[in-house]
């Protein structure tokens, strides 16, 4: 199952991240995971939140350029080689990883990997039991 992530383009200047966090908080939207990549002028903040479309709307109302993007959320065993097995499965299926980030679930003692891949459907098919578990939206948003 595909999950939704917010992608927000923000100027690289003091206070902009705080404005994003404040806009989400005011709308009672909880951040589950994030990744930030920057250049000299701007950054791309990627967020997994509990209500992606509401988050996009709240940020757009505050003047942010925000969009919802589909990604894969994969539960990976927290052990050496766990990520490598997922990447080998993608490679075998001819799937390219555009970007990824991770967070740790203390409840299950596993890593949760967020993958943006060039073909989401093939990416979903590549993940077989034993190397990873695709996490459903409702479960991910409640982490």
C-alpha atoms as a PDB file:
ATOM      1  CA  UNK A   1       0.000   0.000   0.000  1.00  0.00           C
ATOM      2  CA  UNK A   2       1.241   3.458  -0.865  1.00  0.00           C
ATOM      3  CA  UNK A   3       1.307   6.156   1.801  1.00  0.00           C
ATOM      4  CA  UNK A   4       1.229   9.915   1.478  1.00  0.00           C
ATOM      5  CA  UNK A   5       4.017  12.285   2.383  1.00  0.00           C
ATOM      6  CA  UNK A   6       4.042  16.074   2.427  1.00  0.00           C
ATOM      7  CA  UNK A   7       6.783  17.773   0.410  1.00  0.00           C
ATOM      8  CA  UNK A   8       7.271  21.416   1.366  1.00  0.00           C
ATOM      9  CA  UNK A   9       9.574  23.867  -0.387  1.00  0.00           C
ATOM     10  CA  UNK A  10      10.890  26.438   2.078  1.00  0.00           C
ATOM     11  CA  UNK A  11      13.328  29.310   1.942  1.00  0.00           C
ATOM     12  CA  UNK A  12      16.583  28.595   3.710  1.00  0.00           C
ATOM     13  CA  UNK A  13      16.279  31.333   6.348  1.00  0.00           C
ATOM     14  CA  UNK A  14      15.795  31.485  10.110  1.00  0.00           C
ATOM     15  CA  UNK A  15      12.324  30.726  11.400  1.00  0.00           C
ATOM     16  CA  UNK A  16      10.845  28.990   8.352  1.00  0.00           C
ATOM     17  CA  UNK A  17      10.990  25.503   9.883  1.00  0.00           C
ATOM     18  CA  UNK A  18       9.366  26.853  13.025  1.00  0.00           C
ATOM     19  CA  UNK A  19       6.581  28.345  10.887  1.00  0.00           C
ATOM     20  CA  UNK A  20       5.915  24.923   9.322  1.00  0.00           C
ATOM     21  CA  UNK A  21       5.833  23.216  12.719  1.00  0.00           C
ATOM     22  CA  UNK A  22       3.575  25.934  14.150  1.00  0.00           C
ATOM     23  CA  UNK A  23       1.111  25.779  11.231  1.00  0.00           C
ATOM     24  CA  UNK A  24       0.787  22.015  11.668  1.00  0.00           C
ATOM     25  CA  UNK A  25       0.468  22.265  15.453  1.00  0.00           C
ATOM     26  CA  UNK A  26      -2.281  24.881  15.188  1.00  0.00           C
ATOM     27  CA  UNK A  27      -4.238  22.408  13.073  1.00  0.00           C
ATOM     28  CA  UNK A  28      -3.578  19.505  15.466  1.00  0.00           C
ATOM     29  CA  UNK A  29      -1.519  17.640  12.851  1.00  0.00           C
ATOM     30  CA  UNK A  30       1.132  15.316  14.260  1.00  0.00           C
ATOM     31  CA  UNK A  31       4.495  14.752  12.559  1.00  0.00           C
ATOM     32  CA  UNK A  32       5.504  11.067  12.422  1.00  0.00           C
ATOM     33  CA  UNK A  33       8.771  11.321  10.456  1.00  0.00           C
ATOM     34  CA  UNK A  34      10.729  13.911   8.513  1.00  0.00           C
ATOM     35  CA  UNK A  35      13.634  14.528   6.214  1.00  0.00           C
ATOM     36  CA  UNK A  36      15.194  17.843   5.246  1.00  0.00           C
ATOM     37  CA  UNK A  37      17.465  18.438   2.266  1.00  0.00           C
ATOM     38  CA  UNK A  38      18.778  21.899   1.567  1.00  0.00           C
ATOM     39  CA  UNK A  39      20.664  24.023  -0.916  1.00  0.00           C
ATOM     40  CA  UNK A  40      21.953  27.542  -0.452  1.00  0.00           C
ATOM     41  CA  UNK A  41      18.585  29.122  -1.265  1.00  0.00           C
ATOM     42  CA  UNK A  42      15.863  26.682  -0.263  1.00  0.00           C
ATOM     43  CA  UNK A  43      15.107  23.341   1.317  1.00  0.00           C
ATOM     44  CA  UNK A  44      12.766  20.455   0.691  1.00  0.00           C
ATOM     45  CA  UNK A  45      11.113  19.251   3.872  1.00  0.00           C
ATOM     46  CA  UNK A  46       9.464  15.854   3.597  1.00  0.00           C
ATOM     47  CA  UNK A  47       7.016  14.885   6.314  1.00  0.00           C
ATOM     48  CA  UNK A  48       4.914  11.915   7.227  1.00  0.00           C
ATOM     49  CA  UNK A  49       1.991  13.335   9.192  1.00  0.00           C
ATOM     50  CA  UNK A  50      -1.151  11.765  10.576  1.00  0.00           C
ATOM     51  CA  UNK A  51      -3.430  13.744   8.192  1.00  0.00           C
ATOM     52  CA  UNK A  52      -1.522  14.533   4.990  1.00  0.00           C
ATOM     53  CA  UNK A  53      -4.216  16.366   3.034  1.00  0.00           C
ATOM     54  CA  UNK A  54      -5.158  18.517   6.056  1.00  0.00           C
ATOM     55  CA  UNK A  55      -1.457  19.253   6.524  1.00  0.00           C
ATOM     56  CA  UNK A  56      -1.071  20.326   2.900  1.00  0.00           C
ATOM     57  CA  UNK A  57      -4.082  22.588   3.204  1.00  0.00           C
ATOM     58  CA  UNK A  58      -2.858  24.155   6.468  1.00  0.00           C
ATOM     59  CA  UNK A  59       0.587  24.853   5.005  1.00  0.00           C
ATOM     60  CA  UNK A  60      -0.815  26.232   1.746  1.00  0.00           C
ATOM     61  CA  UNK A  61      -2.984  28.635   3.753  1.00  0.00           C
ATOM     62  CA  UNK A  62       0.214  29.913   5.387  1.00  0.00           C
ATOM     63  CA  UNK A  63       1.816  30.534   1.986  1.00  0.00           C
ATOM     64  CA  UNK A  64       3.981  27.424   1.749  1.00  0.00           C
ATOM     65  CA  UNK A  65       4.345  25.471  -1.467  1.00  0.00           C
ATOM     66  CA  UNK A  66       3.277  22.021  -0.280  1.00  0.00           C
ATOM     67  CA  UNK A  67       2.239  18.921  -2.159  1.00  0.00           C
ATOM     68  CA  UNK A  68       1.233  15.383  -1.320  1.00  0.00           C
ATOM     69  CA  UNK A  69       3.502  12.683  -2.774  1.00  0.00           C
ATOM     70  CA  UNK A  70       3.042   8.925  -2.688  1.00  0.00           C
ATOM     71  CA  UNK A  71       5.839   6.873  -1.143  1.00  0.00           C
ATOM     72  CA  UNK A  72       6.340   3.381   0.241  1.00  0.00           C
ATOM     73  CA  UNK A  73       6.678   2.706   3.960  1.00  0.00           C
ATOM     74  CA  UNK A  74       8.492  -0.529   4.669  1.00  0.00           C
ATOM     75  CA  UNK A  75       9.092  -2.123   8.033  1.00  0.00           C
ATOM     76  CA  UNK A  76      12.646  -3.470   8.028  1.00  0.00           C
ATOM     77  CA  UNK A  77      14.075  -5.787  10.679  1.00  0.00           C
ATOM     78  CA  UNK A  78      16.456  -3.850  12.922  1.00  0.00           C
ATOM     79  CA  UNK A  79      19.523  -5.956  12.190  1.00  0.00           C
ATOM     80  CA  UNK A  80      22.618  -5.752  10.022  1.00  0.00           C
ATOM     81  CA  UNK A  81      21.694  -6.346   6.387  1.00  0.00           C
ATOM     82  CA  UNK A  82      17.997  -5.487   6.700  1.00  0.00           C
ATOM     83  CA  UNK A  83      18.204  -2.418   4.468  1.00  0.00           C
ATOM     84  CA  UNK A  84      20.463  -4.201   1.996  1.00  0.00           C
ATOM     85  CA  UNK A  85      17.863  -6.932   1.459  1.00  0.00           C
ATOM     86  CA  UNK A  86      15.225  -4.344   0.587  1.00  0.00           C
ATOM     87  CA  UNK A  87      17.572  -2.560  -1.816  1.00  0.00           C
ATOM     88  CA  UNK A  88      18.535  -5.846  -3.497  1.00  0.00           C
ATOM     89  CA  UNK A  89      14.820  -6.650  -3.938  1.00  0.00           C
ATOM     90  CA  UNK A  90      14.279  -3.253  -5.584  1.00  0.00           C
ATOM     91  CA  UNK A  91      17.305  -3.800  -7.812  1.00  0.00           C
ATOM     92  CA  UNK A  92      16.070  -7.246  -8.881  1.00  0.00           C
ATOM     93  CA  UNK A  93      12.690  -5.702  -9.792  1.00  0.00           C
ATOM     94  CA  UNK A  94      14.345  -2.908 -11.791  1.00  0.00           C
ATOM     95  CA  UNK A  95      13.220  -0.246  -9.312  1.00  0.00           C
ATOM     96  CA  UNK A  96      15.352   2.859  -8.723  1.00  0.00           C
ATOM     97  CA  UNK A  97      15.322   4.606  -5.349  1.00  0.00           C
ATOM     98  CA  UNK A  98      14.988   8.371  -5.771  1.00  0.00           C
ATOM     99  CA  UNK A  99      15.371   9.095  -2.044  1.00  0.00           C
ATOM    100  CA  UNK A 100      14.762   7.465   1.311  1.00  0.00           C
ATOM    101  CA  UNK A 101      14.762   8.224   5.011  1.00  0.00           C
ATOM    102  CA  UNK A 102      14.049   6.239   8.143  1.00  0.00           C
ATOM    103  CA  UNK A 103      12.819   6.313  11.689  1.00  0.00           C
ATOM    104  CA  UNK A 104      12.792   3.746  14.457  1.00  0.00           C
ATOM    105  CA  UNK A 105       9.635   2.246  15.935  1.00  0.00           C
ATOM    106  CA  UNK A 106      10.223   1.536  19.611  1.00  0.00           C
ATOM    107  CA  UNK A 107       6.927  -0.367  19.795  1.00  0.00           C
ATOM    108  CA  UNK A 108       8.070  -3.092  17.405  1.00  0.00           C
ATOM    109  CA  UNK A 109      11.884  -2.616  17.557  1.00  0.00           C
ATOM    110  CA  UNK A 110      12.065  -2.206  13.769  1.00  0.00           C
ATOM    111  CA  UNK A 111      13.209   0.488  11.382  1.00  0.00           C
ATOM    112  CA  UNK A 112      10.557   2.124   9.230  1.00  0.00           C
ATOM    113  CA  UNK A 113      11.999   3.098   5.858  1.00  0.00           C
ATOM    114  CA  UNK A 114      10.279   5.631   3.638  1.00  0.00           C
ATOM    115  CA  UNK A 115      11.138   5.120  -0.031  1.00  0.00           C
ATOM    116  CA  UNK A 116      10.374   7.278  -3.035  1.00  0.00           C
ATOM    117  CA  UNK A 117      10.965   5.023  -6.021  1.00  0.00           C
ATOM    118  CA  UNK A 118      10.543   5.488  -9.752  1.00  0.00           C
ATOM    119  CA  UNK A 119       7.794   2.850 -10.000  1.00  0.00           C
ATOM    120  CA  UNK A 120       5.647   2.529  -6.883  1.00  0.00           C
ATOM    121  CA  UNK A 121       3.698  -0.500  -8.075  1.00  0.00           C
ATOM    122  CA  UNK A 122       6.817  -2.482  -8.956  1.00  0.00           C
ATOM    123  CA  UNK A 123       8.340  -1.358  -5.660  1.00  0.00           C
ATOM    124  CA  UNK A 124       5.345  -2.728  -3.790  1.00  0.00           C
ATOM    125  CA  UNK A 125       5.603  -6.033  -5.646  1.00  0.00           C
ATOM    126  CA  UNK A 126       9.322  -6.334  -4.866  1.00  0.00           C
ATOM    127  CA  UNK A 127       8.829  -6.431  -1.087  1.00  0.00           C
ATOM    128  CA  UNK A 128       8.217 -10.038  -0.087  1.00  0.00           C
ATOM    129  CA  UNK A 129       7.549 -11.457   3.392  1.00  0.00           C
ATOM    130  CA  UNK A 130      10.783 -12.189   5.181  1.00  0.00           C
ATOM    131  CA  UNK A 131      12.657  -9.147   3.895  1.00  0.00           C
ATOM    132  CA  UNK A 132      10.195  -6.431   4.837  1.00  0.00           C
ATOM    133  CA  UNK A 133       6.562  -5.546   5.429  1.00  0.00           C
ATOM    134  CA  UNK A 134       4.643  -2.827   3.654  1.00  0.00           C
ATOM    135  CA  UNK A 135       3.004  -0.660   6.296  1.00  0.00           C
ATOM    136  CA  UNK A 136      -0.626   0.380   5.676  1.00  0.00           C
ATOM    137  CA  UNK A 137      -1.496   4.087   5.817  1.00  0.00           C
ATOM    138  CA  UNK A 138      -3.609   3.926   8.956  1.00  0.00           C
ATOM    139  CA  UNK A 139      -0.893   2.089  10.860  1.00  0.00           C
ATOM    140  CA  UNK A 140       1.891   4.437   9.736  1.00  0.00           C
ATOM    141  CA  UNK A 141      -0.041   7.606  10.534  1.00  0.00           C
ATOM    142  CA  UNK A 142      -0.692   6.307  14.063  1.00  0.00           C
ATOM    143  CA  UNK A 143       2.952   5.340  14.815  1.00  0.00           C
END
